[in-house]
Amino acid sequence: MSVIEVRPATEFDDVAMLVGPKKPTSNVCFCLSYRIGNKENVALRGSARAERVRELCHSDPPPGVIAYLGDEPVGWAALHPRSETSFARNRLIPNVDDLDVWSLWCFRVRPGYRKQGISHALVNGAVAYARERGAPAIEGYPVDNRGEKVNPTMAYVGTRALFEDAGFEQAAETGSVLDGFPRVLMRLDLRDGGVPGRGAPTRDVGGRT
């Protein structure tokens, strides 16, 4: 089995391949809706969206992590301190406590690479990177689909089982519903040595090894 390496999303071209629109001038996607304020997100149009993402890739921390098979980018996960995302003001997804928790909220696996453990590797890699950066905890907001099929276009938030496999536990219910399924707040405390669960093997997220 090929080793999946998860690295910080510092390469704009790789981010664009995974979450950018098919037409560079399009006003959608790039996984910005939760990362930046709604006013800015709506105002950014065409090439300005791409330039904003390029700027985020050069920021510290970058906007997420990317899974690679060799040098081929195959998966994306959005990751950032919650206080600097719209989740800090979300009325449907509660703040559990005052910890400076990091949020993990969007997954994308390229067609042709699905069902190969890449989503699991992304969660594990995101946890490792958040811990490396000193995050006290990391949380996600997946659907609790109880094994039922989720519409692929709505599966970007992940499933409860995906997070449980990485050691997360439910910390709260939310008022959010997606594709008819309730979303739950899953949390992994990194202060007590919380570790990623089973899944595809990953390598050092700090860079190429």
Foldseek 3Di string as FASTA:
>chain_A
DFAKAKAQQLDLVLLCVFWNDPAQQALDTSPCCFQADNVVSVVQGHNSSSVVLNVQSVDVRHQWMFIDRVNHTFKTKGKDFNVNTCVVVDPFADDLDDFSEMEIFFMTGDPPCPPVQVLLQRVQQRVVVCVVVPGQKYKFWAFAPVPDDADPVQCGRDYPVSVVQQPWDFRAFTNDDTRNTGITITMFGPPVPRHTHDTGHYDDHHDDD
